N, C-alpha and C. Protein backbone atom coordinates (compact mmCIF):
# COMPACT_ATOMS: atom_id res chain seq x y z
N MET A 1 316.29 77.50 112.16
CA MET A 1 315.29 76.57 112.69
C MET A 1 314.18 76.33 111.66
N PRO A 2 313.69 75.08 111.53
CA PRO A 2 312.59 74.81 110.59
C PRO A 2 311.25 75.29 111.13
N VAL A 3 310.28 75.45 110.23
CA VAL A 3 308.93 75.80 110.65
C VAL A 3 308.34 74.61 111.41
N PRO A 4 307.76 74.82 112.59
CA PRO A 4 307.21 73.71 113.38
C PRO A 4 306.19 72.90 112.60
N ASP A 5 306.28 71.55 112.68
CA ASP A 5 305.37 70.68 111.96
C ASP A 5 303.92 70.84 112.41
N SER A 6 303.73 71.25 113.66
CA SER A 6 302.38 71.36 114.21
C SER A 6 301.63 72.58 113.68
N TYR A 7 302.33 73.47 112.99
CA TYR A 7 301.71 74.69 112.47
C TYR A 7 301.53 74.59 110.95
N GLY A 8 300.43 75.17 110.48
CA GLY A 8 300.15 75.19 109.06
C GLY A 8 299.72 76.57 108.62
N PHE A 9 299.80 76.82 107.32
CA PHE A 9 299.38 78.09 106.73
C PHE A 9 298.13 77.81 105.92
N PHE A 10 297.05 78.54 106.19
CA PHE A 10 295.77 78.28 105.56
C PHE A 10 295.24 79.54 104.88
N LEU A 11 294.70 79.35 103.68
CA LEU A 11 294.18 80.44 102.88
C LEU A 11 292.69 80.21 102.65
N ASP A 12 291.86 81.21 102.99
CA ASP A 12 290.41 81.11 102.81
C ASP A 12 289.95 82.25 101.91
N PRO A 13 289.85 82.01 100.57
CA PRO A 13 289.51 83.10 99.64
C PRO A 13 288.13 83.69 99.87
N THR A 14 287.21 82.93 100.49
CA THR A 14 285.86 83.45 100.72
C THR A 14 285.83 84.54 101.78
N ARG A 15 286.90 84.65 102.56
CA ARG A 15 286.95 85.65 103.63
C ARG A 15 287.70 86.92 103.24
N CYS A 16 288.36 86.91 102.08
CA CYS A 16 289.15 88.07 101.67
C CYS A 16 288.23 89.25 101.35
N ILE A 17 288.55 90.42 101.89
CA ILE A 17 287.74 91.62 101.66
C ILE A 17 288.49 92.65 100.81
N GLY A 18 289.65 92.28 100.30
CA GLY A 18 290.38 93.16 99.39
C GLY A 18 290.98 94.39 100.03
N CYS A 19 291.27 94.35 101.32
CA CYS A 19 291.78 95.54 102.02
C CYS A 19 293.26 95.80 101.76
N ARG A 20 293.97 94.79 101.28
CA ARG A 20 295.41 94.88 100.96
C ARG A 20 296.30 95.07 102.19
N ALA A 21 295.76 94.82 103.37
CA ALA A 21 296.58 94.92 104.58
C ALA A 21 297.73 93.92 104.53
N CYS A 22 297.48 92.76 103.96
CA CYS A 22 298.52 91.73 103.86
C CYS A 22 299.67 92.18 102.96
N VAL A 23 299.31 92.82 101.85
CA VAL A 23 300.33 93.29 100.92
C VAL A 23 301.19 94.37 101.56
N GLN A 24 300.54 95.30 102.26
CA GLN A 24 301.28 96.38 102.92
C GLN A 24 302.18 95.85 104.02
N ALA A 25 301.67 94.88 104.79
CA ALA A 25 302.48 94.30 105.86
C ALA A 25 303.68 93.55 105.29
N CYS A 26 303.47 92.85 104.19
CA CYS A 26 304.56 92.10 103.56
C CYS A 26 305.67 93.06 103.11
N ALA A 27 305.27 94.24 102.63
CA ALA A 27 306.27 95.21 102.16
C ALA A 27 307.13 95.75 103.29
N GLU A 28 306.65 95.61 104.53
CA GLU A 28 307.39 96.14 105.67
C GLU A 28 308.32 95.11 106.31
N CYS A 29 308.37 93.91 105.73
CA CYS A 29 309.24 92.87 106.29
C CYS A 29 310.69 93.33 106.28
N GLU A 30 311.43 93.02 107.31
CA GLU A 30 312.81 93.49 107.45
C GLU A 30 313.73 92.92 106.38
N THR A 31 313.38 91.75 105.81
CA THR A 31 314.27 91.14 104.82
C THR A 31 314.09 91.70 103.42
N HIS A 32 312.98 92.37 103.15
CA HIS A 32 312.76 92.94 101.81
C HIS A 32 311.90 94.20 101.90
N LYS A 33 312.34 95.13 102.73
CA LYS A 33 311.57 96.35 102.98
C LYS A 33 311.23 97.10 101.70
N GLY A 34 309.95 97.47 101.60
CA GLY A 34 309.49 98.27 100.48
C GLY A 34 308.98 97.47 99.30
N THR A 35 309.23 96.16 99.28
CA THR A 35 308.80 95.33 98.16
C THR A 35 307.96 94.16 98.67
N PRO A 36 306.64 94.17 98.41
CA PRO A 36 305.80 93.05 98.88
C PRO A 36 306.11 91.78 98.09
N MET A 37 306.09 90.66 98.77
CA MET A 37 306.36 89.37 98.12
C MET A 37 305.08 88.63 97.79
N ILE A 38 303.93 89.19 98.17
CA ILE A 38 302.64 88.60 97.83
C ILE A 38 301.86 89.65 97.06
N HIS A 39 300.77 89.22 96.41
CA HIS A 39 299.94 90.15 95.67
C HIS A 39 298.48 89.74 95.77
N LEU A 40 297.60 90.64 95.44
CA LEU A 40 296.15 90.42 95.51
C LEU A 40 295.61 90.25 94.09
N GLU A 41 294.77 89.25 93.91
CA GLU A 41 294.20 88.98 92.58
C GLU A 41 292.67 88.89 92.66
N TYR A 42 292.00 89.21 91.56
CA TYR A 42 290.57 88.98 91.44
C TYR A 42 290.34 87.54 91.01
N LEU A 43 289.32 86.89 91.60
CA LEU A 43 289.03 85.52 91.23
C LEU A 43 288.42 85.43 89.83
N ASP A 44 287.49 86.32 89.53
CA ASP A 44 286.83 86.33 88.22
C ASP A 44 286.29 87.74 88.00
N ARG A 45 287.16 88.66 87.58
CA ARG A 45 286.82 90.08 87.56
C ARG A 45 285.64 90.40 86.66
N ALA A 46 285.37 89.59 85.65
CA ALA A 46 284.26 89.88 84.74
C ALA A 46 282.90 89.75 85.42
N TYR A 47 282.83 88.94 86.48
CA TYR A 47 281.55 88.68 87.12
C TYR A 47 281.53 88.99 88.62
N SER A 48 282.69 89.27 89.21
CA SER A 48 282.72 89.46 90.66
C SER A 48 283.90 90.34 91.07
N THR A 49 283.76 91.01 92.21
CA THR A 49 284.86 91.80 92.75
C THR A 49 285.60 91.03 93.85
N GLN A 50 285.29 89.75 94.01
CA GLN A 50 285.93 88.93 95.04
C GLN A 50 287.43 88.83 94.77
N THR A 51 288.22 89.09 95.80
CA THR A 51 289.68 89.03 95.68
C THR A 51 290.25 87.87 96.48
N MET A 52 291.54 87.65 96.29
CA MET A 52 292.22 86.55 96.97
C MET A 52 293.69 86.88 97.10
N PRO A 53 294.25 86.76 98.30
CA PRO A 53 295.69 87.00 98.45
C PRO A 53 296.48 85.84 97.86
N MET A 54 297.48 86.15 97.06
CA MET A 54 298.28 85.11 96.42
C MET A 54 299.60 84.96 97.17
N VAL A 55 299.63 83.98 98.05
CA VAL A 55 300.86 83.63 98.74
C VAL A 55 301.42 82.39 98.06
N CYS A 56 302.69 82.13 98.24
CA CYS A 56 303.28 80.92 97.67
C CYS A 56 302.64 79.71 98.34
N MET A 57 302.27 78.71 97.54
CA MET A 57 301.62 77.51 98.07
C MET A 57 302.65 76.49 98.57
N HIS A 58 303.92 76.69 98.27
CA HIS A 58 305.02 75.84 98.75
C HIS A 58 304.76 74.36 98.39
N CYS A 59 304.87 74.08 97.10
CA CYS A 59 304.59 72.75 96.56
C CYS A 59 305.59 71.71 97.05
N GLU A 60 305.12 70.46 97.16
CA GLU A 60 306.03 69.37 97.52
C GLU A 60 307.08 69.16 96.44
N SER A 61 306.67 69.29 95.19
CA SER A 61 307.60 69.22 94.06
C SER A 61 307.48 70.54 93.31
N PRO A 62 308.17 71.58 93.78
CA PRO A 62 307.99 72.92 93.20
C PRO A 62 308.45 73.00 91.75
N THR A 63 307.51 73.30 90.86
CA THR A 63 307.82 73.42 89.44
C THR A 63 308.81 74.56 89.20
N CYS A 64 308.70 75.62 89.99
CA CYS A 64 309.59 76.77 89.82
C CYS A 64 311.05 76.36 90.00
N ALA A 65 311.30 75.52 91.00
CA ALA A 65 312.67 75.06 91.25
C ALA A 65 313.13 74.07 90.19
N GLU A 66 312.19 73.26 89.69
CA GLU A 66 312.55 72.24 88.70
C GLU A 66 312.98 72.86 87.37
N VAL A 67 312.41 74.02 87.02
CA VAL A 67 312.73 74.63 85.73
C VAL A 67 313.83 75.68 85.83
N CYS A 68 314.33 75.95 87.04
CA CYS A 68 315.37 76.96 87.21
C CYS A 68 316.72 76.42 86.72
N PRO A 69 317.32 77.03 85.70
CA PRO A 69 318.58 76.51 85.17
C PRO A 69 319.79 76.81 86.05
N ALA A 70 319.61 77.73 87.02
CA ALA A 70 320.74 78.12 87.87
C ALA A 70 320.64 77.57 89.28
N ASP A 71 319.61 76.73 89.53
CA ASP A 71 319.41 76.17 90.87
C ASP A 71 319.34 77.28 91.92
N ALA A 72 318.58 78.34 91.58
CA ALA A 72 318.49 79.50 92.48
C ALA A 72 317.36 79.38 93.49
N ILE A 73 316.44 78.43 93.28
CA ILE A 73 315.28 78.28 94.17
C ILE A 73 315.44 76.99 94.96
N LYS A 74 315.42 77.11 96.28
CA LYS A 74 315.65 75.96 97.15
C LYS A 74 314.40 75.64 97.98
N ARG A 75 314.18 74.36 98.20
CA ARG A 75 313.10 73.90 99.08
C ARG A 75 313.73 73.27 100.31
N GLY A 76 313.40 73.82 101.49
CA GLY A 76 313.99 73.31 102.73
C GLY A 76 313.38 72.00 103.18
N GLU A 77 313.98 71.36 104.15
CA GLU A 77 313.47 70.10 104.69
C GLU A 77 312.10 70.27 105.32
N ASP A 78 311.76 71.49 105.74
CA ASP A 78 310.45 71.73 106.34
C ASP A 78 309.38 72.03 105.29
N GLY A 79 309.75 71.98 104.01
CA GLY A 79 308.77 72.17 102.95
C GLY A 79 308.61 73.59 102.45
N VAL A 80 309.32 74.54 103.03
CA VAL A 80 309.21 75.93 102.62
C VAL A 80 310.09 76.17 101.39
N VAL A 81 309.49 76.69 100.32
CA VAL A 81 310.22 77.00 99.10
C VAL A 81 310.66 78.46 99.18
N ARG A 82 311.96 78.67 99.20
CA ARG A 82 312.49 80.02 99.38
C ARG A 82 312.42 80.83 98.09
N SER A 83 312.55 82.13 98.23
CA SER A 83 312.65 83.01 97.08
C SER A 83 314.01 82.80 96.42
N ALA A 84 314.17 83.26 95.20
CA ALA A 84 315.39 83.02 94.45
C ALA A 84 316.61 83.66 95.11
N LEU A 85 317.72 82.94 95.08
CA LEU A 85 318.97 83.46 95.60
C LEU A 85 319.50 84.53 94.64
N LYS A 86 319.77 85.70 95.17
CA LYS A 86 320.19 86.82 94.33
C LYS A 86 321.47 86.51 93.56
N ALA A 87 322.39 85.81 94.19
CA ALA A 87 323.67 85.51 93.53
C ALA A 87 323.54 84.52 92.39
N ARG A 88 322.43 83.76 92.36
CA ARG A 88 322.26 82.73 91.34
C ARG A 88 321.23 83.08 90.27
N CYS A 89 320.21 83.88 90.64
CA CYS A 89 319.09 84.15 89.72
C CYS A 89 319.57 84.83 88.44
N LEU A 90 319.11 84.29 87.30
CA LEU A 90 319.50 84.82 85.99
C LEU A 90 318.45 85.78 85.42
N GLY A 91 317.29 85.84 86.08
CA GLY A 91 316.22 86.67 85.55
C GLY A 91 315.62 86.12 84.28
N CYS A 92 315.60 84.79 84.13
CA CYS A 92 315.15 84.17 82.88
C CYS A 92 313.64 84.04 82.77
N ASN A 93 312.92 84.18 83.89
CA ASN A 93 311.45 84.10 83.93
C ASN A 93 310.90 82.68 83.79
N ASN A 94 311.75 81.67 83.79
CA ASN A 94 311.25 80.30 83.68
C ASN A 94 310.28 79.97 84.81
N CYS A 95 310.63 80.35 86.02
CA CYS A 95 309.79 80.06 87.18
C CYS A 95 308.46 80.79 87.10
N VAL A 96 308.48 82.01 86.61
CA VAL A 96 307.27 82.82 86.49
C VAL A 96 306.28 82.14 85.55
N LEU A 97 306.79 81.59 84.45
CA LEU A 97 305.93 80.95 83.46
C LEU A 97 305.49 79.56 83.90
N ALA A 98 306.28 78.89 84.72
CA ALA A 98 306.01 77.49 85.06
C ALA A 98 305.06 77.32 86.24
N CYS A 99 305.02 78.27 87.16
CA CYS A 99 304.22 78.10 88.38
C CYS A 99 302.73 77.98 88.04
N PRO A 100 302.06 76.90 88.42
CA PRO A 100 300.64 76.74 88.10
C PRO A 100 299.75 77.73 88.84
N PHE A 101 300.23 78.30 89.95
CA PHE A 101 299.44 79.24 90.74
C PHE A 101 299.73 80.70 90.37
N GLY A 102 300.72 80.94 89.53
CA GLY A 102 301.04 82.31 89.14
C GLY A 102 301.63 83.15 90.24
N VAL A 103 302.41 82.53 91.12
CA VAL A 103 302.93 83.24 92.30
C VAL A 103 304.21 84.03 92.04
N PRO A 104 305.28 83.43 91.47
CA PRO A 104 306.53 84.19 91.31
C PRO A 104 306.36 85.41 90.41
N LYS A 105 307.02 86.49 90.77
CA LYS A 105 307.00 87.71 89.97
C LYS A 105 308.45 88.17 89.76
N MET A 106 308.73 88.65 88.56
CA MET A 106 310.06 89.14 88.26
C MET A 106 310.15 90.62 88.59
N ASN A 107 311.09 90.97 89.44
CA ASN A 107 311.32 92.37 89.79
C ASN A 107 312.38 92.92 88.84
N SER A 108 311.95 93.74 87.89
CA SER A 108 312.87 94.24 86.87
C SER A 108 313.90 95.21 87.44
N ASP A 109 313.57 95.86 88.56
CA ASP A 109 314.53 96.79 89.16
C ASP A 109 315.77 96.06 89.67
N PHE A 110 315.55 94.84 90.18
CA PHE A 110 316.66 94.06 90.72
C PHE A 110 317.07 92.91 89.80
N ASP A 111 316.31 92.72 88.69
CA ASP A 111 316.54 91.58 87.81
C ASP A 111 316.56 90.29 88.62
N LEU A 112 315.51 90.14 89.44
CA LEU A 112 315.45 89.04 90.41
C LEU A 112 314.01 88.58 90.60
N MET A 113 313.82 87.26 90.62
CA MET A 113 312.49 86.73 90.95
C MET A 113 312.28 86.84 92.45
N MET A 114 311.13 87.37 92.84
CA MET A 114 310.80 87.51 94.25
C MET A 114 309.43 86.89 94.50
N LYS A 115 309.32 86.11 95.56
CA LYS A 115 308.05 85.49 95.92
C LYS A 115 307.97 85.28 97.42
N CYS A 116 306.78 84.98 97.87
CA CYS A 116 306.53 84.70 99.29
C CYS A 116 307.39 83.53 99.77
N ASP A 117 308.07 83.70 100.91
CA ASP A 117 308.82 82.60 101.51
C ASP A 117 308.26 82.26 102.89
N MET A 118 306.96 82.55 103.07
CA MET A 118 306.24 82.27 104.32
C MET A 118 306.89 82.97 105.50
N CYS A 119 307.43 84.17 105.26
CA CYS A 119 308.10 84.93 106.33
C CYS A 119 308.99 84.00 107.15
N TYR A 120 309.93 83.36 106.46
CA TYR A 120 310.72 82.31 107.10
C TYR A 120 311.45 82.79 108.35
N ASP A 121 311.83 84.07 108.36
CA ASP A 121 312.52 84.59 109.53
C ASP A 121 311.60 84.63 110.75
N ARG A 122 310.28 84.59 110.53
CA ARG A 122 309.31 84.61 111.62
C ARG A 122 308.74 83.21 111.90
N THR A 123 308.28 82.52 110.83
CA THR A 123 307.63 81.23 111.03
C THR A 123 308.58 80.16 111.56
N SER A 124 309.86 80.27 111.25
CA SER A 124 310.82 79.31 111.78
C SER A 124 310.98 79.45 113.29
N LEU A 125 310.52 80.56 113.83
CA LEU A 125 310.54 80.78 115.28
C LEU A 125 309.16 80.59 115.91
N GLY A 126 308.21 80.12 115.11
CA GLY A 126 306.86 79.88 115.62
C GLY A 126 305.97 81.10 115.58
N LYS A 127 306.44 82.19 114.96
CA LYS A 127 305.62 83.41 114.86
C LYS A 127 304.78 83.38 113.59
N LYS A 128 303.71 84.16 113.57
CA LYS A 128 302.86 84.24 112.39
C LYS A 128 303.54 85.03 111.29
N PRO A 129 303.27 84.69 110.02
CA PRO A 129 303.72 85.56 108.93
C PRO A 129 303.06 86.92 109.09
N LEU A 130 303.72 87.97 108.62
CA LEU A 130 303.17 89.31 108.78
C LEU A 130 301.79 89.45 108.16
N CYS A 131 301.58 88.83 106.99
CA CYS A 131 300.28 88.93 106.33
C CYS A 131 299.17 88.35 107.18
N ALA A 132 299.41 87.18 107.79
CA ALA A 132 298.39 86.53 108.63
C ALA A 132 298.16 87.30 109.93
N SER A 133 299.18 88.00 110.41
CA SER A 133 299.05 88.71 111.68
C SER A 133 298.20 89.97 111.54
N VAL A 134 298.04 90.50 110.32
CA VAL A 134 297.27 91.74 110.15
C VAL A 134 295.95 91.53 109.42
N CYS A 135 295.68 90.33 108.90
CA CYS A 135 294.45 90.08 108.15
C CYS A 135 293.24 90.22 109.08
N PRO A 136 292.33 91.19 108.82
CA PRO A 136 291.22 91.44 109.74
C PRO A 136 290.07 90.44 109.59
N SER A 137 290.04 89.69 108.50
CA SER A 137 288.90 88.81 108.25
C SER A 137 289.23 87.33 108.38
N GLY A 138 290.48 87.01 108.64
CA GLY A 138 290.86 85.61 108.79
C GLY A 138 291.05 84.88 107.47
N ALA A 139 291.23 85.62 106.38
CA ALA A 139 291.48 84.98 105.09
C ALA A 139 292.83 84.28 105.08
N LEU A 140 293.76 84.76 105.89
CA LEU A 140 295.07 84.13 106.06
C LEU A 140 295.21 83.71 107.51
N PHE A 141 295.52 82.43 107.72
CA PHE A 141 295.60 81.89 109.09
C PHE A 141 296.85 81.04 109.21
N PHE A 142 297.60 81.26 110.28
CA PHE A 142 298.79 80.45 110.57
C PHE A 142 298.66 79.91 111.98
N GLY A 143 298.65 78.60 112.10
CA GLY A 143 298.50 77.99 113.41
C GLY A 143 298.20 76.51 113.28
N PRO A 144 297.83 75.85 114.38
CA PRO A 144 297.54 74.42 114.36
C PRO A 144 296.32 74.10 113.49
N ARG A 145 296.40 73.01 112.76
CA ARG A 145 295.28 72.58 111.92
C ARG A 145 294.03 72.33 112.75
N GLU A 146 294.21 71.76 113.94
CA GLU A 146 293.06 71.47 114.79
C GLU A 146 292.30 72.74 115.16
N GLU A 147 293.02 73.84 115.31
CA GLU A 147 292.39 75.10 115.70
C GLU A 147 291.49 75.65 114.60
N ILE A 148 291.97 75.65 113.37
CA ILE A 148 291.14 76.20 112.29
C ILE A 148 289.98 75.27 111.96
N GLU A 149 290.17 73.96 112.13
CA GLU A 149 289.05 73.04 111.90
C GLU A 149 287.98 73.21 112.97
N ARG A 150 288.38 73.54 114.18
CA ARG A 150 287.42 73.78 115.25
C ARG A 150 286.68 75.09 115.03
N GLN A 151 287.39 76.12 114.58
CA GLN A 151 286.78 77.42 114.37
C GLN A 151 285.87 77.46 113.15
N ARG A 152 286.17 76.63 112.13
CA ARG A 152 285.42 76.68 110.87
C ARG A 152 284.94 75.28 110.49
N PRO A 153 283.95 74.77 111.20
CA PRO A 153 283.49 73.39 110.97
C PRO A 153 282.86 73.16 109.61
N ARG A 154 282.44 74.23 108.92
CA ARG A 154 281.80 74.06 107.62
C ARG A 154 282.81 74.05 106.47
N SER A 155 284.10 74.24 106.81
CA SER A 155 285.15 74.25 105.80
C SER A 155 286.17 73.16 106.10
N ALA A 156 286.87 72.76 105.07
CA ALA A 156 287.91 71.74 105.22
C ALA A 156 289.17 72.18 104.48
N PRO A 157 290.34 71.99 105.07
CA PRO A 157 291.59 72.37 104.40
C PRO A 157 291.94 71.38 103.29
N VAL A 158 292.30 71.92 102.13
CA VAL A 158 292.67 71.10 100.97
C VAL A 158 294.08 71.48 100.55
N HIS A 159 294.91 70.48 100.29
CA HIS A 159 296.28 70.78 99.87
C HIS A 159 296.68 69.98 98.64
N ARG A 160 295.68 69.45 97.92
CA ARG A 160 295.94 68.79 96.64
C ARG A 160 295.09 69.46 95.57
N PHE A 161 295.72 69.84 94.47
CA PHE A 161 295.05 70.58 93.41
C PHE A 161 295.31 69.90 92.07
N GLN A 162 294.28 69.79 91.27
CA GLN A 162 294.38 69.11 89.99
C GLN A 162 294.35 70.12 88.85
N PHE A 163 295.43 70.20 88.08
CA PHE A 163 295.51 71.04 86.89
C PHE A 163 295.55 70.10 85.68
N GLY A 164 294.39 69.76 85.14
CA GLY A 164 294.34 68.79 84.05
C GLY A 164 294.82 67.44 84.55
N ALA A 165 295.89 66.93 83.97
CA ALA A 165 296.43 65.63 84.37
C ALA A 165 297.48 65.76 85.46
N GLN A 166 297.82 66.98 85.86
CA GLN A 166 298.87 67.20 86.85
C GLN A 166 298.28 67.43 88.24
N THR A 167 298.75 66.67 89.22
CA THR A 167 298.33 66.82 90.61
C THR A 167 299.41 67.56 91.38
N ILE A 168 299.03 68.64 92.04
CA ILE A 168 299.97 69.44 92.82
C ILE A 168 299.62 69.31 94.30
N THR A 169 300.58 68.89 95.11
CA THR A 169 300.41 68.81 96.56
C THR A 169 301.22 69.93 97.20
N THR A 170 300.59 70.65 98.13
CA THR A 170 301.21 71.85 98.68
C THR A 170 301.30 71.81 100.20
N LYS A 171 302.20 72.63 100.73
CA LYS A 171 302.32 72.78 102.18
C LYS A 171 301.22 73.71 102.70
N VAL A 172 300.90 74.75 101.93
CA VAL A 172 299.83 75.67 102.29
C VAL A 172 298.50 75.05 101.90
N SER A 173 297.50 75.15 102.76
CA SER A 173 296.18 74.58 102.48
C SER A 173 295.18 75.68 102.16
N MET A 174 294.22 75.35 101.32
CA MET A 174 293.14 76.27 100.99
C MET A 174 291.84 75.75 101.61
N MET A 175 291.11 76.63 102.28
CA MET A 175 289.86 76.24 102.91
C MET A 175 288.75 76.20 101.85
N ALA A 176 288.01 75.08 101.81
CA ALA A 176 286.92 74.91 100.85
C ALA A 176 285.70 74.39 101.58
N PRO A 177 284.49 74.70 101.10
CA PRO A 177 283.26 74.20 101.75
C PRO A 177 283.26 72.69 101.80
N ARG A 178 282.93 72.13 102.95
CA ARG A 178 282.94 70.67 103.10
C ARG A 178 282.01 69.98 102.12
N PHE A 179 280.81 70.54 101.91
CA PHE A 179 279.83 69.84 101.09
C PHE A 179 280.21 69.79 99.62
N SER A 180 281.17 70.62 99.19
CA SER A 180 281.55 70.63 97.78
C SER A 180 282.77 69.75 97.50
N LEU A 181 283.33 69.13 98.55
CA LEU A 181 284.50 68.28 98.35
C LEU A 181 284.08 66.87 98.00
N PRO A 182 284.84 66.16 97.14
CA PRO A 182 284.54 64.75 96.87
C PRO A 182 284.81 63.92 98.11
N LEU A 183 284.09 62.82 98.24
CA LEU A 183 284.32 61.93 99.37
C LEU A 183 285.72 61.35 99.30
N PRO A 184 286.34 61.08 100.48
CA PRO A 184 287.67 60.47 100.49
C PRO A 184 287.69 59.20 99.65
N GLY A 185 288.64 59.12 98.74
CA GLY A 185 288.75 57.95 97.89
C GLY A 185 287.97 58.05 96.60
N ILE A 186 287.10 59.10 96.47
CA ILE A 186 286.32 59.28 95.25
C ILE A 186 286.79 60.55 94.58
N GLY A 187 287.52 60.43 93.51
CA GLY A 187 288.03 61.60 92.80
C GLY A 187 289.18 62.28 93.52
N GLY A 188 289.65 61.67 94.59
CA GLY A 188 290.75 62.26 95.35
C GLY A 188 292.08 61.64 94.98
N VAL A 189 293.13 62.08 95.66
CA VAL A 189 294.47 61.56 95.42
C VAL A 189 294.95 60.90 96.70
N ARG A 190 295.36 59.65 96.59
CA ARG A 190 295.80 58.88 97.76
C ARG A 190 294.74 58.92 98.86
N GLY A 191 293.44 58.83 98.44
CA GLY A 191 292.37 58.73 99.42
C GLY A 191 291.94 60.05 100.02
N GLY A 192 292.49 61.19 99.56
CA GLY A 192 292.14 62.48 100.15
C GLY A 192 291.42 63.38 99.17
N PRO A 193 290.76 64.43 99.68
CA PRO A 193 290.05 65.35 98.80
C PRO A 193 291.00 66.23 98.02
N ARG A 194 290.51 66.75 96.89
CA ARG A 194 291.32 67.63 96.08
C ARG A 194 290.40 68.67 95.44
N ILE A 195 290.99 69.72 94.90
CA ILE A 195 290.25 70.71 94.14
C ILE A 195 290.59 70.55 92.68
N GLU A 196 289.56 70.34 91.84
CA GLU A 196 289.75 70.22 90.41
C GLU A 196 289.73 71.62 89.81
N VAL A 197 290.91 72.19 89.62
CA VAL A 197 291.03 73.58 89.21
C VAL A 197 290.45 73.81 87.82
N THR A 198 290.75 72.92 86.89
CA THR A 198 290.29 73.12 85.52
C THR A 198 288.78 73.05 85.43
N GLU A 199 288.14 72.20 86.24
CA GLU A 199 286.68 72.14 86.24
C GLU A 199 286.09 73.43 86.75
N TRP A 200 286.70 74.01 87.80
CA TRP A 200 286.22 75.29 88.32
C TRP A 200 286.32 76.37 87.26
N LEU A 201 287.42 76.37 86.49
CA LEU A 201 287.58 77.37 85.44
C LEU A 201 286.52 77.21 84.36
N GLN A 202 286.18 75.97 84.02
CA GLN A 202 285.15 75.74 83.02
C GLN A 202 283.79 76.18 83.53
N ASP A 203 283.50 75.91 84.80
CA ASP A 203 282.22 76.32 85.38
C ASP A 203 282.08 77.82 85.39
N SER A 204 283.18 78.56 85.56
CA SER A 204 283.11 80.01 85.64
C SER A 204 282.75 80.63 84.29
N ASP A 205 282.79 79.83 83.20
CA ASP A 205 282.43 80.33 81.88
C ASP A 205 280.94 80.23 81.60
N GLU A 206 280.13 79.92 82.64
CA GLU A 206 278.70 79.78 82.48
C GLU A 206 277.98 80.86 83.29
N PRO A 207 278.00 82.12 82.83
CA PRO A 207 277.40 83.20 83.60
C PRO A 207 275.89 83.09 83.72
N SER A 208 275.24 82.28 82.86
CA SER A 208 273.79 82.18 82.89
C SER A 208 273.30 81.47 84.14
N ARG A 209 274.14 80.64 84.75
CA ARG A 209 273.75 79.94 85.96
C ARG A 209 274.10 80.79 87.16
N SER A 210 273.10 81.14 87.96
CA SER A 210 273.33 81.97 89.13
C SER A 210 274.08 81.19 90.19
N HIS A 211 274.74 81.93 91.09
CA HIS A 211 275.47 81.29 92.18
C HIS A 211 274.52 80.48 93.05
N ALA A 212 273.33 81.02 93.30
CA ALA A 212 272.34 80.32 94.13
C ALA A 212 271.91 79.01 93.48
N ALA A 213 271.73 79.04 92.14
CA ALA A 213 271.32 77.82 91.44
C ALA A 213 272.40 76.76 91.52
N GLN A 214 273.68 77.18 91.41
CA GLN A 214 274.77 76.22 91.52
C GLN A 214 274.85 75.64 92.92
N GLU A 215 274.62 76.47 93.95
CA GLU A 215 274.65 75.97 95.32
C GLU A 215 273.50 74.99 95.56
N ASN A 216 272.32 75.29 95.03
CA ASN A 216 271.18 74.39 95.20
C ASN A 216 271.46 73.04 94.54
N GLU A 217 272.08 73.08 93.36
CA GLU A 217 272.40 71.83 92.68
C GLU A 217 273.44 71.04 93.46
N MET A 218 274.44 71.73 94.03
CA MET A 218 275.45 71.04 94.82
C MET A 218 274.84 70.44 96.07
N ASP A 219 273.90 71.17 96.72
CA ASP A 219 273.22 70.63 97.89
C ASP A 219 272.45 69.35 97.53
N ARG A 220 271.79 69.36 96.36
CA ARG A 220 271.01 68.20 95.95
C ARG A 220 271.93 67.01 95.69
N MET A 221 273.07 67.27 95.04
CA MET A 221 273.99 66.19 94.68
C MET A 221 274.66 65.60 95.91
N THR A 222 274.89 66.42 96.93
CA THR A 222 275.65 65.95 98.10
C THR A 222 274.77 65.67 99.30
N SER A 223 273.45 65.74 99.11
CA SER A 223 272.53 65.50 100.22
C SER A 223 272.77 64.11 100.81
N GLY A 224 273.03 64.07 102.12
CA GLY A 224 273.21 62.81 102.82
C GLY A 224 274.63 62.28 102.80
N LEU A 225 275.54 62.93 102.06
CA LEU A 225 276.89 62.41 101.99
C LEU A 225 277.67 62.63 103.27
N PHE A 226 277.35 63.70 103.98
CA PHE A 226 278.09 64.05 105.21
C PHE A 226 277.14 64.04 106.39
N GLU A 227 276.48 62.94 106.61
CA GLU A 227 275.54 62.84 107.71
C GLU A 227 276.26 63.04 109.04
N GLY A 228 275.63 63.83 109.90
CA GLY A 228 276.20 64.06 111.22
C GLY A 228 277.15 65.22 111.26
N GLU A 229 277.52 65.82 110.09
CA GLU A 229 278.44 66.98 110.07
C GLU A 229 277.65 68.25 109.97
N GLU A 230 278.08 69.28 110.67
CA GLU A 230 277.45 70.58 110.57
C GLU A 230 277.70 71.15 109.20
N ARG A 231 276.66 71.78 108.60
CA ARG A 231 276.80 72.33 107.26
C ARG A 231 276.53 73.82 107.27
């Protein structure tokens, strides 16, 4: 069964507390017991201890599948990009190097690429992925889009990401502050908001500017853009 269209997977890095409950739960999945398919990363370890769970973003045009010479990575009709097929995977690492999000990992013990498949055995039945079911802070959420938008009015789900000249559209959405998003049709793709990843990376190289100063500048720049919306 496909994953229901009415359900979405949402990632909110600002809520991650680094407890690793998601990683431990993933390791207990019946399809790959003992080996977690997701991992925890620091956003900018030189300046912050903020962490973020790295789940597969399930791209509309998955680069990992496009560069696989053995056609071992499949994308289903419901948009879920599966982990590599053991019988086909060559262990070439092409997918590991190509993924813009750094999600696939090569398991040297099995000579096999392993990555998050959105707990397909659960989500295809309408159940939550194990990671989302144990996350105590709501950094991982699986459910209707309307529900998370109602619960978090100051955030908006984004599923388009800009890596230089490359635009990546994903099935998994990332929650971002509403006031920091470009207006629909301005700097967006097909009229929607996006996250400019390379600009964020460049901004992170300016440690002299405090987080509060950057927020104040963003407030000044976006003042009045979202009239009537809670901030």
